[in-house]
Amino acid sequence: MRGMDPDLVTPDVTIDVAGLRATASRVEACSTDVAHVDLPGIDPHALPGSVVSVIAGPALVTARRAGLVNRLAAWATTARTSADQFEHVEGRSADRIHQS
């Protein structure tokens, strides 16, 4: 734009809202899949007196999996909300252009 400071001009940005929603759906499906993965456990009574009887590995893995599932689901929700907001803003901008 002539006469404008080039540092103040923002480049055009295009958002693929359908692609964002599709990605959110895939991430959400992955979170569901991860949540249903059967984690093998260690029977603490299988080897009495061994380190296996006091190992906390399965609980730690289960907790970390739950955190991963929650973060994936939260990302999917945020992506969908962003897609909705992009569409809303785009619609308002189009309305303003048509009203001018």
C-alpha atoms as a PDB file:
ATOM      1  CA  MET A   1       0.000   0.000   0.000  1.00  0.00           C
ATOM      2  CA  ARG A   2       1.382   3.312  -1.087  1.00  0.00           C
ATOM      3  CA  GLY A   3       2.348   5.703   1.662  1.00  0.00           C
ATOM      4  CA  MET A   4       2.060   3.145   4.485  1.00  0.00           C
ATOM      5  CA  ASP A   5       4.908   1.995   6.665  1.00  0.00           C
ATOM      6  CA  PRO A   6       5.716  -1.537   5.393  1.00  0.00           C
ATOM      7  CA  ASP A   7       6.223  -2.702   9.000  1.00  0.00           C
ATOM      8  CA  LEU A   8       2.576  -1.906   9.723  1.00  0.00           C
ATOM      9  CA  VAL A   9       1.132  -3.861   6.794  1.00  0.00           C
ATOM     10  CA  THR A  10       0.165  -7.419   7.679  1.00  0.00           C
ATOM     11  CA  PRO A  11       0.324 -10.141   5.034  1.00  0.00           C
ATOM     12  CA  ASP A  12      -2.815 -11.867   3.843  1.00  0.00           C
ATOM     13  CA  VAL A  13      -3.638 -14.931   5.907  1.00  0.00           C
ATOM     14  CA  THR A  14      -5.808 -17.773   4.705  1.00  0.00           C
ATOM     15  CA  ILE A  15      -7.332 -20.284   7.111  1.00  0.00           C
ATOM     16  CA  ASP A  16      -8.562 -23.639   5.843  1.00  0.00           C
ATOM     17  CA  VAL A  17     -11.474 -23.959   8.263  1.00  0.00           C
ATOM     18  CA  ALA A  18     -12.640 -27.291   6.832  1.00  0.00           C
ATOM     19  CA  GLY A  19      -9.090 -28.637   7.119  1.00  0.00           C
ATOM     20  CA  LEU A  20      -8.831 -27.383  10.693  1.00  0.00           C
ATOM     21  CA  ARG A  21     -12.089 -29.112  11.610  1.00  0.00           C
ATOM     22  CA  ALA A  22     -10.977 -32.336   9.882  1.00  0.00           C
ATOM     23  CA  THR A  23      -7.688 -32.265  11.771  1.00  0.00           C
ATOM     24  CA  ALA A  24      -9.551 -31.659  15.031  1.00  0.00           C
ATOM     25  CA  SER A  25     -11.727 -34.690  14.334  1.00  0.00           C
ATOM     26  CA  ARG A  26      -8.669 -36.855  13.657  1.00  0.00           C
ATOM     27  CA  VAL A  27      -6.926 -35.651  16.830  1.00  0.00           C
ATOM     28  CA  GLU A  28     -10.080 -36.321  18.848  1.00  0.00           C
ATOM     29  CA  ALA A  29     -10.324 -39.835  17.361  1.00  0.00           C
ATOM     30  CA  CYS A  30      -6.682 -40.424  18.302  1.00  0.00           C
ATOM     31  CA  SER A  31      -7.372 -39.325  21.873  1.00  0.00           C
ATOM     32  CA  THR A  32     -10.225 -41.828  22.051  1.00  0.00           C
ATOM     33  CA  ASP A  33      -8.011 -44.562  20.611  1.00  0.00           C
ATOM     34  CA  VAL A  34      -5.214 -43.816  23.086  1.00  0.00           C
ATOM     35  CA  ALA A  35      -7.707 -43.824  25.962  1.00  0.00           C
ATOM     36  CA  HIS A  36      -8.803 -47.339  25.019  1.00  0.00           C
ATOM     37  CA  VAL A  37      -5.349 -48.874  24.582  1.00  0.00           C
ATOM     38  CA  ASP A  38      -5.055 -51.850  26.886  1.00  0.00           C
ATOM     39  CA  LEU A  39      -1.993 -51.273  29.042  1.00  0.00           C
ATOM     40  CA  PRO A  40      -0.368 -54.433  30.331  1.00  0.00           C
ATOM     41  CA  GLY A  41       0.063 -54.447  34.063  1.00  0.00           C
ATOM     42  CA  ILE A  42       2.562 -55.971  36.400  1.00  0.00           C
ATOM     43  CA  ASP A  43       1.209 -58.232  39.095  1.00  0.00           C
ATOM     44  CA  PRO A  44       3.093 -57.119  42.223  1.00  0.00           C
ATOM     45  CA  HIS A  45       2.477 -60.516  43.816  1.00  0.00           C
ATOM     46  CA  ALA A  46       3.897 -62.508  40.900  1.00  0.00           C
ATOM     47  CA  LEU A  47       7.476 -62.292  42.144  1.00  0.00           C
ATOM     48  CA  PRO A  48       7.402 -61.889  45.947  1.00  0.00           C
ATOM     49  CA  GLY A  49      10.419 -60.050  47.303  1.00  0.00           C
ATOM     50  CA  SER A  50      11.451 -58.700  43.920  1.00  0.00           C
ATOM     51  CA  VAL A  51      11.605 -55.120  42.722  1.00  0.00           C
ATOM     52  CA  VAL A  52       8.465 -55.836  40.665  1.00  0.00           C
ATOM     53  CA  SER A  53       6.420 -55.848  43.851  1.00  0.00           C
ATOM     54  CA  VAL A  54       7.175 -52.166  44.513  1.00  0.00           C
ATOM     55  CA  ILE A  55       7.394 -50.781  40.979  1.00  0.00           C
ATOM     56  CA  ALA A  56       5.169 -47.779  40.285  1.00  0.00           C
ATOM     57  CA  GLY A  57       5.517 -47.935  36.504  1.00  0.00           C
ATOM     58  CA  PRO A  58       1.961 -48.921  35.578  1.00  0.00           C
ATOM     59  CA  ALA A  59       0.414 -46.141  37.667  1.00  0.00           C
ATOM     60  CA  LEU A  60       2.792 -43.601  36.155  1.00  0.00           C
ATOM     61  CA  VAL A  61       2.052 -44.771  32.601  1.00  0.00           C
ATOM     62  CA  THR A  62      -1.695 -44.685  33.290  1.00  0.00           C
ATOM     63  CA  ALA A  63      -1.460 -41.133  34.674  1.00  0.00           C
ATOM     64  CA  ARG A  64       0.622 -39.913  31.746  1.00  0.00           C
ATOM     65  CA  ARG A  65      -1.762 -41.512  29.270  1.00  0.00           C
ATOM     66  CA  ALA A  66      -4.687 -39.731  30.926  1.00  0.00           C
ATOM     67  CA  GLY A  67      -2.809 -36.435  30.627  1.00  0.00           C
ATOM     68  CA  LEU A  68      -2.103 -37.067  26.950  1.00  0.00           C
ATOM     69  CA  VAL A  69      -5.735 -37.969  26.262  1.00  0.00           C
ATOM     70  CA  ASN A  70      -6.907 -34.797  28.014  1.00  0.00           C
ATOM     71  CA  ARG A  71      -4.455 -32.586  26.109  1.00  0.00           C
ATOM     72  CA  LEU A  72      -5.401 -34.108  22.749  1.00  0.00           C
ATOM     73  CA  ALA A  73      -9.117 -33.646  23.477  1.00  0.00           C
ATOM     74  CA  ALA A  74      -8.524 -30.063  24.641  1.00  0.00           C
ATOM     75  CA  TRP A  75      -6.569 -29.299  21.466  1.00  0.00           C
ATOM     76  CA  ALA A  76      -9.413 -30.665  19.327  1.00  0.00           C
ATOM     77  CA  THR A  77     -11.954 -28.569  21.213  1.00  0.00           C
ATOM     78  CA  THR A  78      -9.809 -25.446  20.874  1.00  0.00           C
ATOM     79  CA  ALA A  79      -9.293 -26.066  17.154  1.00  0.00           C
ATOM     80  CA  ARG A  80     -13.052 -26.395  16.604  1.00  0.00           C
ATOM     81  CA  THR A  81     -13.704 -23.213  18.581  1.00  0.00           C
ATOM     82  CA  SER A  82     -11.069 -21.413  16.501  1.00  0.00           C
ATOM     83  CA  ALA A  83     -12.677 -22.657  13.280  1.00  0.00           C
ATOM     84  CA  ASP A  84     -16.064 -21.399  14.483  1.00  0.00           C
ATOM     85  CA  GLN A  85     -14.583 -18.003  15.347  1.00  0.00           C
ATOM     86  CA  PHE A  86     -12.784 -17.719  12.000  1.00  0.00           C
ATOM     87  CA  GLU A  87     -16.061 -18.400  10.196  1.00  0.00           C
ATOM     88  CA  HIS A  88     -17.914 -15.902  12.382  1.00  0.00           C
ATOM     89  CA  VAL A  89     -15.368 -13.144  11.727  1.00  0.00           C
ATOM     90  CA  GLU A  90     -15.272 -13.950   8.017  1.00  0.00           C
ATOM     91  CA  GLY A  91     -19.077 -13.764   7.875  1.00  0.00           C
ATOM     92  CA  ARG A  92     -19.125 -10.418   9.664  1.00  0.00           C
ATOM     93  CA  SER A  93     -16.456  -9.056   7.327  1.00  0.00           C
ATOM     94  CA  ALA A  94     -18.409 -10.211   4.279  1.00  0.00           C
ATOM     95  CA  ASP A  95     -21.563  -8.590   5.665  1.00  0.00           C
ATOM     96  CA  ARG A  96     -19.742  -5.299   6.160  1.00  0.00           C
ATOM     97  CA  ILE A  97     -18.372  -5.373   2.622  1.00  0.00           C
ATOM     98  CA  HIS A  98     -21.840  -6.030   1.179  1.00  0.00           C
ATOM     99  CA  GLN A  99     -23.336  -3.225   3.281  1.00  0.00           C
ATOM    100  CA  SER A 100     -20.801  -0.686   2.007  1.00  0.00           C
END
